[in-house]
Each structure stands twice: as C-alpha cells, then as structure tokens.
Amino acid sequence: MATDAMRYARFDHPKHGTYDHPEKVLKDEALSESEKQTVLEDWAASLKHILANDPHASDAQATKESLDEVIERLAAGRT
C-alpha cells in the first residue's frame, strides 16, 4: 500500500514537471498563476479517474482533498 500512496501523492505533469505534494505546485515560482491552476486541475482530474475506478482508494482521496484545498486557496488569491 505504501507504493499506492506514493503513486497518488506524486504527479508528473508532461509540460510543467513533477510534484510530490499539491502545496509544491502552489509554491513553484517558475509557474504563472494559470499554469499552477492547470497543473492542479490536471492532477485532480487524474485522481478523479482513479477514484471512479476504485472509490476505496483512500490515499488517492486524501491527495484529492489536498488538491481541492490548494485549488481553492489559489482561486481566493486571484480575487
């Protein structure tokens, strides 16, 4: 199970790089606000697909919840 947890907590974005926690995306100064939004939304979409196939993937759910929180914080910073 530790392998699954690591798999869900890490995201390899094809254009913007690899992140091991949603917070790291938010803190990446090399990304614009819209690029951060893209990375976070792409990561969330990948986890949504995993959860649709395995609703009991608790590690994926925990990462998805972290992503949702970071996405909300990013959006709040724009207003």
N, C-alpha and C. Protein backbone atom coordinates (compact mmCIF):
# COMPACT_ATOMS: atom_id res chain seq x y z
N MET A 1 0.81 -1.19 0.00
CA MET A 1 0.00 0.00 0.00
C MET A 1 0.85 1.27 0.00
N ALA A 2 2.04 1.22 0.56
CA ALA A 2 2.88 2.41 0.55
C ALA A 2 3.18 2.83 -0.88
N THR A 3 3.30 1.86 -1.78
CA THR A 3 3.55 2.19 -3.17
C THR A 3 2.38 2.96 -3.76
N ASP A 4 1.15 2.54 -3.45
CA ASP A 4 -0.03 3.26 -3.91
C ASP A 4 -0.06 4.67 -3.37
N ALA A 5 0.24 4.84 -2.11
CA ALA A 5 0.23 6.17 -1.50
C ALA A 5 1.23 7.07 -2.21
N MET A 6 2.40 6.56 -2.50
CA MET A 6 3.41 7.35 -3.19
C MET A 6 2.96 7.68 -4.61
N ARG A 7 2.30 6.74 -5.25
CA ARG A 7 1.86 6.95 -6.63
C ARG A 7 0.84 8.07 -6.69
N TYR A 8 -0.09 8.12 -5.75
CA TYR A 8 -1.14 9.13 -5.77
C TYR A 8 -0.62 10.48 -5.29
N ALA A 9 0.39 10.49 -4.46
CA ALA A 9 0.91 11.74 -3.91
C ALA A 9 1.95 12.37 -4.83
N ARG A 10 2.20 11.79 -5.95
CA ARG A 10 3.19 12.32 -6.89
C ARG A 10 2.51 12.50 -8.24
N PHE A 11 2.80 13.62 -8.89
CA PHE A 11 2.20 13.89 -10.19
C PHE A 11 3.26 14.37 -11.16
N ASP A 12 3.32 13.72 -12.29
CA ASP A 12 4.25 14.10 -13.36
C ASP A 12 3.46 14.82 -14.45
N HIS A 13 3.55 16.14 -14.44
CA HIS A 13 2.86 16.90 -15.48
C HIS A 13 3.76 16.91 -16.72
N PRO A 14 3.21 16.61 -17.88
CA PRO A 14 4.05 16.49 -19.07
C PRO A 14 4.76 17.78 -19.48
N LYS A 15 4.23 18.92 -19.10
CA LYS A 15 4.83 20.19 -19.51
C LYS A 15 5.54 20.92 -18.36
N HIS A 16 5.01 20.81 -17.15
CA HIS A 16 5.48 21.66 -16.06
C HIS A 16 6.31 20.95 -15.00
N GLY A 17 6.47 19.65 -15.08
CA GLY A 17 7.34 18.96 -14.15
C GLY A 17 6.65 18.01 -13.19
N THR A 18 7.42 17.56 -12.21
CA THR A 18 6.98 16.57 -11.25
C THR A 18 6.80 17.21 -9.89
N TYR A 19 5.70 16.88 -9.24
CA TYR A 19 5.38 17.43 -7.92
C TYR A 19 4.99 16.30 -6.99
N ASP A 20 5.48 16.36 -5.75
CA ASP A 20 5.16 15.31 -4.79
C ASP A 20 4.13 15.75 -3.75
N HIS A 21 3.63 16.97 -3.88
CA HIS A 21 2.56 17.43 -3.00
C HIS A 21 1.90 18.64 -3.65
N PRO A 22 0.59 18.77 -3.55
CA PRO A 22 -0.10 19.91 -4.15
C PRO A 22 0.46 21.27 -3.71
N GLU A 23 0.90 21.35 -2.48
CA GLU A 23 1.46 22.60 -1.96
C GLU A 23 2.71 23.03 -2.74
N LYS A 24 3.46 22.06 -3.23
CA LYS A 24 4.68 22.37 -4.00
C LYS A 24 4.33 23.09 -5.30
N VAL A 25 3.21 22.75 -5.89
CA VAL A 25 2.76 23.44 -7.10
C VAL A 25 2.50 24.90 -6.78
N LEU A 26 1.79 25.13 -5.70
CA LEU A 26 1.45 26.49 -5.29
C LEU A 26 2.69 27.33 -5.02
N LYS A 27 3.74 26.71 -4.50
CA LYS A 27 4.96 27.43 -4.15
C LYS A 27 5.97 27.53 -5.29
N ASP A 28 5.68 26.92 -6.42
CA ASP A 28 6.61 26.92 -7.55
C ASP A 28 6.59 28.30 -8.22
N GLU A 29 7.63 29.07 -7.97
CA GLU A 29 7.72 30.43 -8.50
C GLU A 29 7.96 30.47 -10.01
N ALA A 30 8.34 29.35 -10.59
CA ALA A 30 8.56 29.30 -12.03
C ALA A 30 7.26 29.23 -12.82
N LEU A 31 6.15 28.93 -12.13
CA LEU A 31 4.86 28.81 -12.79
C LEU A 31 4.04 30.08 -12.61
N SER A 32 3.30 30.45 -13.65
CA SER A 32 2.34 31.54 -13.54
C SER A 32 1.12 31.02 -12.78
N GLU A 33 0.24 31.93 -12.40
CA GLU A 33 -0.98 31.51 -11.70
C GLU A 33 -1.80 30.56 -12.56
N SER A 34 -1.91 30.85 -13.84
CA SER A 34 -2.71 29.97 -14.71
C SER A 34 -2.04 28.61 -14.91
N GLU A 35 -0.71 28.59 -14.95
CA GLU A 35 -0.01 27.31 -15.06
C GLU A 35 -0.20 26.47 -13.79
N LYS A 36 -0.16 27.12 -12.64
CA LYS A 36 -0.43 26.42 -11.39
C LYS A 36 -1.83 25.82 -11.41
N GLN A 37 -2.79 26.61 -11.85
CA GLN A 37 -4.18 26.14 -11.94
C GLN A 37 -4.27 24.92 -12.86
N THR A 38 -3.58 24.99 -13.99
CA THR A 38 -3.59 23.88 -14.95
C THR A 38 -3.02 22.61 -14.33
N VAL A 39 -1.86 22.72 -13.69
CA VAL A 39 -1.23 21.55 -13.08
C VAL A 39 -2.14 20.95 -12.02
N LEU A 40 -2.69 21.79 -11.15
CA LEU A 40 -3.55 21.30 -10.08
C LEU A 40 -4.82 20.65 -10.63
N GLU A 41 -5.42 21.27 -11.63
CA GLU A 41 -6.64 20.70 -12.22
C GLU A 41 -6.35 19.40 -12.95
N ASP A 42 -5.21 19.32 -13.64
CA ASP A 42 -4.85 18.07 -14.32
C ASP A 42 -4.61 16.95 -13.32
N TRP A 43 -3.95 17.28 -12.21
CA TRP A 43 -3.69 16.29 -11.16
C TRP A 43 -5.01 15.82 -10.57
N ALA A 44 -5.90 16.76 -10.27
CA ALA A 44 -7.20 16.40 -9.71
C ALA A 44 -8.00 15.52 -10.67
N ALA A 45 -7.93 15.84 -11.96
CA ALA A 45 -8.64 15.03 -12.96
C ALA A 45 -8.10 13.60 -13.00
N SER A 46 -6.78 13.46 -12.88
CA SER A 46 -6.22 12.11 -12.90
C SER A 46 -6.68 11.31 -11.68
N LEU A 47 -6.76 11.98 -10.53
CA LEU A 47 -7.22 11.29 -9.32
C LEU A 47 -8.72 10.99 -9.39
N LYS A 48 -9.47 11.87 -10.02
CA LYS A 48 -10.91 11.62 -10.18
C LYS A 48 -11.14 10.34 -10.98
N HIS A 49 -10.32 10.15 -11.99
CA HIS A 49 -10.40 8.93 -12.80
C HIS A 49 -10.07 7.69 -11.95
N ILE A 50 -9.03 7.79 -11.14
CA ILE A 50 -8.65 6.68 -10.26
C ILE A 50 -9.78 6.37 -9.29
N LEU A 51 -10.35 7.41 -8.70
CA LEU A 51 -11.42 7.21 -7.71
C LEU A 51 -12.69 6.67 -8.34
N ALA A 52 -12.94 7.00 -9.60
CA ALA A 52 -14.11 6.45 -10.30
C ALA A 52 -13.97 4.95 -10.46
N ASN A 53 -12.73 4.49 -10.66
CA ASN A 53 -12.48 3.07 -10.84
C ASN A 53 -12.31 2.33 -9.52
N ASP A 54 -11.87 3.04 -8.49
CA ASP A 54 -11.65 2.43 -7.17
C ASP A 54 -12.03 3.44 -6.09
N PRO A 55 -13.32 3.53 -5.74
CA PRO A 55 -13.77 4.53 -4.77
C PRO A 55 -13.18 4.33 -3.37
N HIS A 56 -12.53 3.20 -3.14
CA HIS A 56 -11.95 2.92 -1.83
C HIS A 56 -10.44 3.23 -1.78
N ALA A 57 -9.95 3.89 -2.79
CA ALA A 57 -8.52 4.26 -2.82
C ALA A 57 -8.33 5.47 -1.90
N SER A 58 -8.20 5.18 -0.61
CA SER A 58 -8.16 6.26 0.39
C SER A 58 -6.98 7.20 0.21
N ASP A 59 -5.86 6.68 -0.26
CA ASP A 59 -4.70 7.54 -0.48
C ASP A 59 -4.96 8.53 -1.61
N ALA A 60 -5.64 8.07 -2.65
CA ALA A 60 -6.00 8.96 -3.75
C ALA A 60 -7.00 10.00 -3.26
N GLN A 61 -7.93 9.59 -2.43
CA GLN A 61 -8.93 10.51 -1.90
C GLN A 61 -8.27 11.58 -1.03
N ALA A 62 -7.32 11.20 -0.22
CA ALA A 62 -6.64 12.17 0.64
C ALA A 62 -5.86 13.19 -0.20
N THR A 63 -5.21 12.73 -1.24
CA THR A 63 -4.48 13.64 -2.12
C THR A 63 -5.46 14.55 -2.86
N LYS A 64 -6.59 14.00 -3.29
CA LYS A 64 -7.62 14.81 -3.98
C LYS A 64 -8.14 15.90 -3.06
N GLU A 65 -8.35 15.60 -1.80
CA GLU A 65 -8.81 16.60 -0.84
C GLU A 65 -7.76 17.70 -0.66
N SER A 66 -6.50 17.34 -0.62
CA SER A 66 -5.43 18.33 -0.53
C SER A 66 -5.41 19.21 -1.78
N LEU A 67 -5.59 18.59 -2.92
CA LEU A 67 -5.64 19.35 -4.17
C LEU A 67 -6.80 20.34 -4.17
N ASP A 68 -7.96 19.88 -3.74
CA ASP A 68 -9.13 20.76 -3.71
C ASP A 68 -8.88 21.98 -2.83
N GLU A 69 -8.24 21.75 -1.69
CA GLU A 69 -7.93 22.85 -0.77
C GLU A 69 -6.95 23.84 -1.41
N VAL A 70 -5.92 23.34 -2.06
CA VAL A 70 -4.92 24.21 -2.68
C VAL A 70 -5.55 24.97 -3.86
N ILE A 71 -6.40 24.31 -4.64
CA ILE A 71 -7.08 24.97 -5.75
C ILE A 71 -7.94 26.12 -5.22
N GLU A 72 -8.66 25.90 -4.14
CA GLU A 72 -9.47 26.96 -3.54
C GLU A 72 -8.60 28.13 -3.07
N ARG A 73 -7.47 27.83 -2.44
CA ARG A 73 -6.58 28.88 -1.98
C ARG A 73 -6.02 29.69 -3.15
N LEU A 74 -5.67 29.01 -4.24
CA LEU A 74 -5.17 29.69 -5.42
C LEU A 74 -6.24 30.62 -5.99
N ALA A 75 -7.45 30.12 -6.09
CA ALA A 75 -8.55 30.92 -6.61
C ALA A 75 -8.84 32.13 -5.72
N ALA A 76 -8.77 31.94 -4.43
CA ALA A 76 -9.01 33.05 -3.49
C ALA A 76 -7.95 34.12 -3.63
N GLY A 77 -6.75 33.74 -3.98
CA GLY A 77 -5.66 34.70 -4.14
C GLY A 77 -5.82 35.59 -5.35
N ARG A 78 -6.62 35.16 -6.29
CA ARG A 78 -6.84 35.93 -7.52
C ARG A 78 -7.86 37.04 -7.33
N THR A 79 -8.74 36.91 -6.36
CA THR A 79 -9.82 37.87 -6.23
C THR A 79 -9.43 39.07 -5.41
